Amino acid sequence: MTSRTVIKLTLALGGLVLFGAGIRFNADALRWTGIALVAVAWLLRFWKAPAKES
């Protein structure tokens, strides 16, 4: 796994945990932070890797 993949998975998993905690404790700030982290992980999907030099 590349470091970018690990970052994306960590952001997505952390976002899901925060979203779930926001729903469980009825905390809007946690819920929106979780949504934002999942959105950032989704946007990183479209980030192009730098070209390798030969």
PDB file of N, CA and C in Angstrom:
ATOM      1  N   MET A   1       0.849  -1.190   0.000  1.00  0.00           N
ATOM      2  CA  MET A   1       0.000   0.000   0.000  1.00  0.00           C
ATOM      3  C   MET A   1       0.881   1.236   0.000  1.00  0.00           C
ATOM      4  N   THR A   2       0.505   2.184  -0.800  1.00  0.00           N
ATOM      5  CA  THR A   2       1.256   3.435  -0.821  1.00  0.00           C
ATOM      6  C   THR A   2       0.825   4.313   0.345  1.00  0.00           C
ATOM      7  N   SER A   3       1.631   5.310   0.623  1.00  0.00           N
ATOM      8  CA  SER A   3       1.300   6.206   1.730  1.00  0.00           C
ATOM      9  C   SER A   3       0.025   7.004   1.419  1.00  0.00           C
ATOM     10  N   ARG A   4      -0.206   7.305   0.152  1.00  0.00           N
ATOM     11  CA  ARG A   4      -1.436   8.012  -0.215  1.00  0.00           C
ATOM     12  C   ARG A   4      -2.669   7.169   0.079  1.00  0.00           C
ATOM     13  N   THR A   5      -2.584   5.881  -0.181  1.00  0.00           N
ATOM     14  CA  THR A   5      -3.703   4.991   0.099  1.00  0.00           C
ATOM     15  C   THR A   5      -3.978   4.919   1.594  1.00  0.00           C
ATOM     16  N   VAL A   6      -2.920   4.853   2.374  1.00  0.00           N
ATOM     17  CA  VAL A   6      -3.073   4.809   3.827  1.00  0.00           C
ATOM     18  C   VAL A   6      -3.721   6.100   4.327  1.00  0.00           C
ATOM     19  N   ILE A   7      -3.317   7.228   3.787  1.00  0.00           N
ATOM     20  CA  ILE A   7      -3.897   8.518   4.185  1.00  0.00           C
ATOM     21  C   ILE A   7      -5.388   8.556   3.839  1.00  0.00           C
ATOM     22  N   LYS A   8      -5.730   8.119   2.634  1.00  0.00           N
ATOM     23  CA  LYS A   8      -7.133   8.135   2.223  1.00  0.00           C
ATOM     24  C   LYS A   8      -7.983   7.214   3.094  1.00  0.00           C
ATOM     25  N   LEU A   9      -7.481   6.026   3.374  1.00  0.00           N
ATOM     26  CA  LEU A   9      -8.227   5.092   4.217  1.00  0.00           C
ATOM     27  C   LEU A   9      -8.376   5.613   5.641  1.00  0.00           C
ATOM     28  N   THR A  10      -7.321   6.233   6.160  1.00  0.00           N
ATOM     29  CA  THR A  10      -7.373   6.784   7.513  1.00  0.00           C
ATOM     30  C   THR A  10      -8.386   7.920   7.595  1.00  0.00           C
ATOM     31  N   LEU A  11      -8.390   8.793   6.603  1.00  0.00           N
ATOM     32  CA  LEU A  11      -9.356   9.891   6.583  1.00  0.00           C
ATOM     33  C   LEU A  11     -10.789   9.367   6.485  1.00  0.00           C
ATOM     34  N   ALA A  12     -10.997   8.399   5.611  1.00  0.00           N
ATOM     35  CA  ALA A  12     -12.348   7.860   5.435  1.00  0.00           C
ATOM     36  C   ALA A  12     -12.824   7.144   6.698  1.00  0.00           C
ATOM     37  N   LEU A  13     -11.966   6.338   7.290  1.00  0.00           N
ATOM     38  CA  LEU A  13     -12.353   5.602   8.494  1.00  0.00           C
ATOM     39  C   LEU A  13     -12.570   6.549   9.671  1.00  0.00           C
ATOM     40  N   GLY A  14     -11.681   7.530   9.811  1.00  0.00           N
ATOM     41  CA  GLY A  14     -11.857   8.528  10.871  1.00  0.00           C
ATOM     42  C   GLY A  14     -13.131   9.332  10.678  1.00  0.00           C
ATOM     43  N   GLY A  15     -13.438   9.657   9.431  1.00  0.00           N
ATOM     44  CA  GLY A  15     -14.668  10.377   9.148  1.00  0.00           C
ATOM     45  C   GLY A  15     -15.899   9.578   9.488  1.00  0.00           C
ATOM     46  N   LEU A  16     -15.874   8.283   9.183  1.00  0.00           N
ATOM     47  CA  LEU A  16     -17.019   7.432   9.524  1.00  0.00           C
ATOM     48  C   LEU A  16     -17.193   7.298  11.033  1.00  0.00           C
ATOM     49  N   VAL A  17     -16.074   7.202  11.754  1.00  0.00           N
ATOM     50  CA  VAL A  17     -16.151   7.109  13.215  1.00  0.00           C
ATOM     51  C   VAL A  17     -16.724   8.397  13.798  1.00  0.00           C
ATOM     52  N   LEU A  18     -16.233   9.541  13.313  1.00  0.00           N
ATOM     53  CA  LEU A  18     -16.750  10.823  13.815  1.00  0.00           C
ATOM     54  C   LEU A  18     -18.218  11.018  13.447  1.00  0.00           C
ATOM     55  N   PHE A  19     -18.586  10.614  12.247  1.00  0.00           N
ATOM     56  CA  PHE A  19     -19.972  10.730  11.832  1.00  0.00           C
ATOM     57  C   PHE A  19     -20.874   9.880  12.721  1.00  0.00           C
ATOM     58  N   GLY A  20     -20.435   8.648  12.976  1.00  0.00           N
ATOM     59  CA  GLY A  20     -21.208   7.770  13.853  1.00  0.00           C
ATOM     60  C   GLY A  20     -21.312   8.317  15.269  1.00  0.00           C
ATOM     61  N   ALA A  21     -20.210   8.873  15.773  1.00  0.00           N
ATOM     62  CA  ALA A  21     -20.234   9.463  17.116  1.00  0.00           C
ATOM     63  C   ALA A  21     -21.150  10.688  17.138  1.00  0.00           C
ATOM     64  N   GLY A  22     -21.152  11.453  16.066  1.00  0.00           N
ATOM     65  CA  GLY A  22     -22.031  12.615  15.991  1.00  0.00           C
ATOM     66  C   GLY A  22     -23.493  12.241  16.012  1.00  0.00           C
ATOM     67  N   ILE A  23     -23.825  11.146  15.352  1.00  0.00           N
ATOM     68  CA  ILE A  23     -25.207  10.676  15.375  1.00  0.00           C
ATOM     69  C   ILE A  23     -25.547  10.116  16.760  1.00  0.00           C
ATOM     70  N   ARG A  24     -24.631   9.329  17.324  1.00  0.00           N
ATOM     71  CA  ARG A  24     -24.878   8.684  18.621  1.00  0.00           C
ATOM     72  C   ARG A  24     -25.078   9.705  19.733  1.00  0.00           C
ATOM     73  N   PHE A  25     -24.243  10.748  19.756  1.00  0.00           N
ATOM     74  CA  PHE A  25     -24.295  11.739  20.824  1.00  0.00           C
ATOM     75  C   PHE A  25     -25.049  12.999  20.431  1.00  0.00           C
ATOM     76  N   ASN A  26     -25.664  12.983  19.255  1.00  0.00           N
ATOM     77  CA  ASN A  26     -26.431  14.114  18.744  1.00  0.00           C
ATOM     78  C   ASN A  26     -25.607  15.407  18.757  1.00  0.00           C
ATOM     79  N   ALA A  27     -24.380  15.293  18.224  1.00  0.00           N
ATOM     80  CA  ALA A  27     -23.450  16.425  18.168  1.00  0.00           C
ATOM     81  C   ALA A  27     -23.237  16.810  16.704  1.00  0.00           C
ATOM     82  N   ASP A  28     -23.789  17.954  16.341  1.00  0.00           N
ATOM     83  CA  ASP A  28     -23.689  18.399  14.949  1.00  0.00           C
ATOM     84  C   ASP A  28     -22.250  18.631  14.506  1.00  0.00           C
ATOM     85  N   ALA A  29     -21.407  19.161  15.390  1.00  0.00           N
ATOM     86  CA  ALA A  29     -20.018  19.447  15.022  1.00  0.00           C
ATOM     87  C   ALA A  29     -19.271  18.163  14.659  1.00  0.00           C
ATOM     88  N   LEU A  30     -19.464  17.108  15.418  1.00  0.00           N
ATOM     89  CA  LEU A  30     -18.823  15.825  15.100  1.00  0.00           C
ATOM     90  C   LEU A  30     -19.338  15.270  13.786  1.00  0.00           C
ATOM     91  N   ARG A  31     -20.637  15.379  13.598  1.00  0.00           N
ATOM     92  CA  ARG A  31     -21.243  14.856  12.372  1.00  0.00           C
ATOM     93  C   ARG A  31     -20.690  15.569  11.139  1.00  0.00           C
ATOM     94  N   TRP A  32     -20.626  16.884  11.167  1.00  0.00           N
ATOM     95  CA  TRP A  32     -20.128  17.644  10.022  1.00  0.00           C
ATOM     96  C   TRP A  32     -18.630  17.459   9.816  1.00  0.00           C
ATOM     97  N   THR A  33     -17.884  17.289  10.903  1.00  0.00           N
ATOM     98  CA  THR A  33     -16.452  17.008  10.766  1.00  0.00           C
ATOM     99  C   THR A  33     -16.244  15.651  10.107  1.00  0.00           C
ATOM    100  N   GLY A  34     -17.038  14.677  10.484  1.00  0.00           N
ATOM    101  CA  GLY A  34     -16.961  13.365   9.849  1.00  0.00           C
ATOM    102  C   GLY A  34     -17.289  13.421   8.374  1.00  0.00           C
ATOM    103  N   ILE A  35     -18.315  14.169   8.021  1.00  0.00           N
ATOM    104  CA  ILE A  35     -18.679  14.332   6.609  1.00  0.00           C
ATOM    105  C   ILE A  35     -17.542  15.008   5.840  1.00  0.00           C
ATOM    106  N   ALA A  36     -16.927  16.002   6.452  1.00  0.00           N
ATOM    107  CA  ALA A  36     -15.823  16.714   5.798  1.00  0.00           C
ATOM    108  C   ALA A  36     -14.626  15.793   5.574  1.00  0.00           C
ATOM    109  N   LEU A  37     -14.307  14.946   6.548  1.00  0.00           N
ATOM    110  CA  LEU A  37     -13.175  14.032   6.383  1.00  0.00           C
ATOM    111  C   LEU A  37     -13.430  13.012   5.277  1.00  0.00           C
ATOM    112  N   VAL A  38     -14.634  12.493   5.204  1.00  0.00           N
ATOM    113  CA  VAL A  38     -14.963  11.557   4.128  1.00  0.00           C
ATOM    114  C   VAL A  38     -14.917  12.265   2.769  1.00  0.00           C
ATOM    115  N   ALA A  39     -15.353  13.516   2.724  1.00  0.00           N
ATOM    116  CA  ALA A  39     -15.301  14.279   1.472  1.00  0.00           C
ATOM    117  C   ALA A  39     -13.858  14.524   1.037  1.00  0.00           C
ATOM    118  N   VAL A  40     -12.982  14.825   1.981  1.00  0.00           N
ATOM    119  CA  VAL A  40     -11.565  15.027   1.648  1.00  0.00           C
ATOM    120  C   VAL A  40     -10.954  13.728   1.132  1.00  0.00           C
ATOM    121  N   ALA A  41     -11.272  12.606   1.768  1.00  0.00           N
ATOM    122  CA  ALA A  41     -10.772  11.316   1.299  1.00  0.00           C
ATOM    123  C   ALA A  41     -11.276  11.027  -0.112  1.00  0.00           C
ATOM    124  N   TRP A  42     -12.520  11.376  -0.381  1.00  0.00           N
ATOM    125  CA  TRP A  42     -13.081  11.162  -1.717  1.00  0.00           C
ATOM    126  C   TRP A  42     -12.381  12.062  -2.744  1.00  0.00           C
ATOM    127  N   LEU A  43     -12.111  13.317  -2.377  1.00  0.00           N
ATOM    128  CA  LEU A  43     -11.430  14.232  -3.300  1.00  0.00           C
ATOM    129  C   LEU A  43      -9.996  13.789  -3.573  1.00  0.00           C
ATOM    130  N   LEU A  44      -9.334  13.207  -2.598  1.00  0.00           N
ATOM    131  CA  LEU A  44      -7.971  12.716  -2.803  1.00  0.00           C
ATOM    132  C   LEU A  44      -7.919  11.591  -3.832  1.00  0.00           C
ATOM    133  N   ARG A  45      -9.049  10.975  -4.068  1.00  0.00           N
ATOM    134  CA  ARG A  45      -9.122   9.922  -5.084  1.00  0.00           C
ATOM    135  C   ARG A  45      -8.772  10.465  -6.469  1.00  0.00           C
ATOM    136  N   PHE A  46      -9.061  11.716  -6.700  1.00  0.00           N
ATOM    137  CA  PHE A  46      -8.838  12.322  -8.013  1.00  0.00           C
ATOM    138  C   PHE A  46      -7.500  13.038  -8.117  1.00  0.00           C
ATOM    139  N   TRP A  47      -6.722  13.033  -7.050  1.00  0.00           N
ATOM    140  CA  TRP A  47      -5.424  13.677  -7.046  1.00  0.00           C
ATOM    141  C   TRP A  47      -4.428  12.803  -7.782  1.00  0.00           C
ATOM    142  N   LYS A  48      -3.810  13.334  -8.814  1.00  0.00           N
ATOM    143  CA  LYS A  48      -2.888  12.556  -9.627  1.00  0.00           C
ATOM    144  C   LYS A  48      -1.548  12.383  -8.912  1.00  0.00           C
ATOM    145  N   ALA A  49      -1.011  11.197  -9.051  1.00  0.00           N
ATOM    146  CA  ALA A  49       0.312  10.919  -8.496  1.00  0.00           C
ATOM    147  C   ALA A  49       1.363  11.630  -9.358  1.00  0.00           C
ATOM    148  N   PRO A  50       2.421  12.112  -8.734  1.00  0.00           N
ATOM    149  CA  PRO A  50       3.472  12.749  -9.541  1.00  0.00           C
ATOM    150  C   PRO A  50       4.123  11.726 -10.481  1.00  0.00           C
ATOM    151  N   ALA A  51       4.495  12.197 -11.643  1.00  0.00           N
ATOM    152  CA  ALA A  51       5.128  11.318 -12.630  1.00  0.00           C
ATOM    153  C   ALA A  51       6.502  10.885 -12.136  1.00  0.00           C
ATOM    154  N   LYS A  52       6.791   9.603 -12.301  1.00  0.00           N
ATOM    155  CA  LYS A  52       8.095   9.086 -11.892  1.00  0.00           C
ATOM    156  C   LYS A  52       9.129   9.410 -12.954  1.00  0.00           C
ATOM    157  N   GLU A  53      10.295   9.841 -12.489  1.00  0.00           N
ATOM    158  CA  GLU A  53      11.374  10.145 -13.439  1.00  0.00           C
ATOM    159  C   GLU A  53      12.153   8.875 -13.732  1.00  0.00           C
ATOM    160  N   SER A  54      12.478   8.678 -14.997  1.00  0.00           N
ATOM    161  CA  SER A  54      13.224   7.466 -15.388  1.00  0.00           C
ATOM    162  C   SER A  54      14.689   7.717 -15.440  1.00  0.00           C
TER     163      SER A  54
END
